[in-house]
């Protein structure tokens, strides 16, 4: 084999001449499409080796010929600017790199179209696993990945076609509600029902938290009106508007607020400020999420911190094992007062 001159950049035509195959075959091999062209693995390996020897900038997919695994792992997340999802991303990256895996992460803003687009792009890089975090329709992602032979795992929100790792939303919400009710009774000297704010009634986590919220009221002997359930979405402005509407008339019977996430809590805090509920006037509250700065809001605030390290440990336990049955693993949350 004669080495091409190094005074110019090596082209696929140089590689075709050195390997004795057509330029189109070389292109297919270097782009990872050699199987579709029915090119043998032996020839693909030889062309790839020649390309590397000549210093050709080999497409990432072509390098996968030397291994049955890419050691790339993909994750989609709904948001970055949230402590919970930010913690998931950071922990995921750390644990992936500890295993010699290269993590690819992208934010899809709870947009189903963006989720599928991101999954397709990651599949083009031949990821070994796809982690769908807080996906709006995880089963569609699983179906898409299954066509490419790539296993998937759902985190935060469950699916029905792949293993899922989530927080124990029901038990966490029931205990959080119980704690807010206890603080409310201490404040007002009587039991009063709470208001649930934020989240979407259509997603699993909110449904389970609402179930725990209702059951805690029932255990306390309190009647809970349906208009106390403000599952208005996660956006701060929606939480603010929902509370402004709910309290447009005096509500002396309300014992406090159950806020479904720190995202919704932003809107709740704006409403509290505008309505004059500050310092001692601030109602007893709880949030199914955690942020250390919330303690600056005042007293009687309970928080649930989702156990991200334990959740990611369960995720990588499944990945390390290579396979797992389609089941749901619930991780108990941590309570922070």
Foldseek 3Di string as FASTA:
>chain_A
DDADDPPDADDLVNLCVVLVHDSVCLVCLLQLNNVVVVHDLVSSVVSLVVCVVNVHPGRLNNVCSVDPASLEEEEEEADCPAPQVVVLVVLLCVVSVVVVHHYDYYHQNLDQVSVQVVLVVVVSSVHQEYEYEPHPAVVVSQVVVVVSVHAYEYEQFAYQQHAYEHAQLQVQLLVQLLLLQVVLCVLPVDGFQAAEFEAACPTDNLVSSVNSSVVSCVVVVHDDDPLSYHHQYQACCSRLVSVCVVPVDPDPRHRYYEYEGVNVVNNVVVNCVVVVCAEPNHHQYEYADDDVCVPVRYPNYKYWHAPSVVRVVVVVVCVVVVHDDHDYHHHYIDIDD
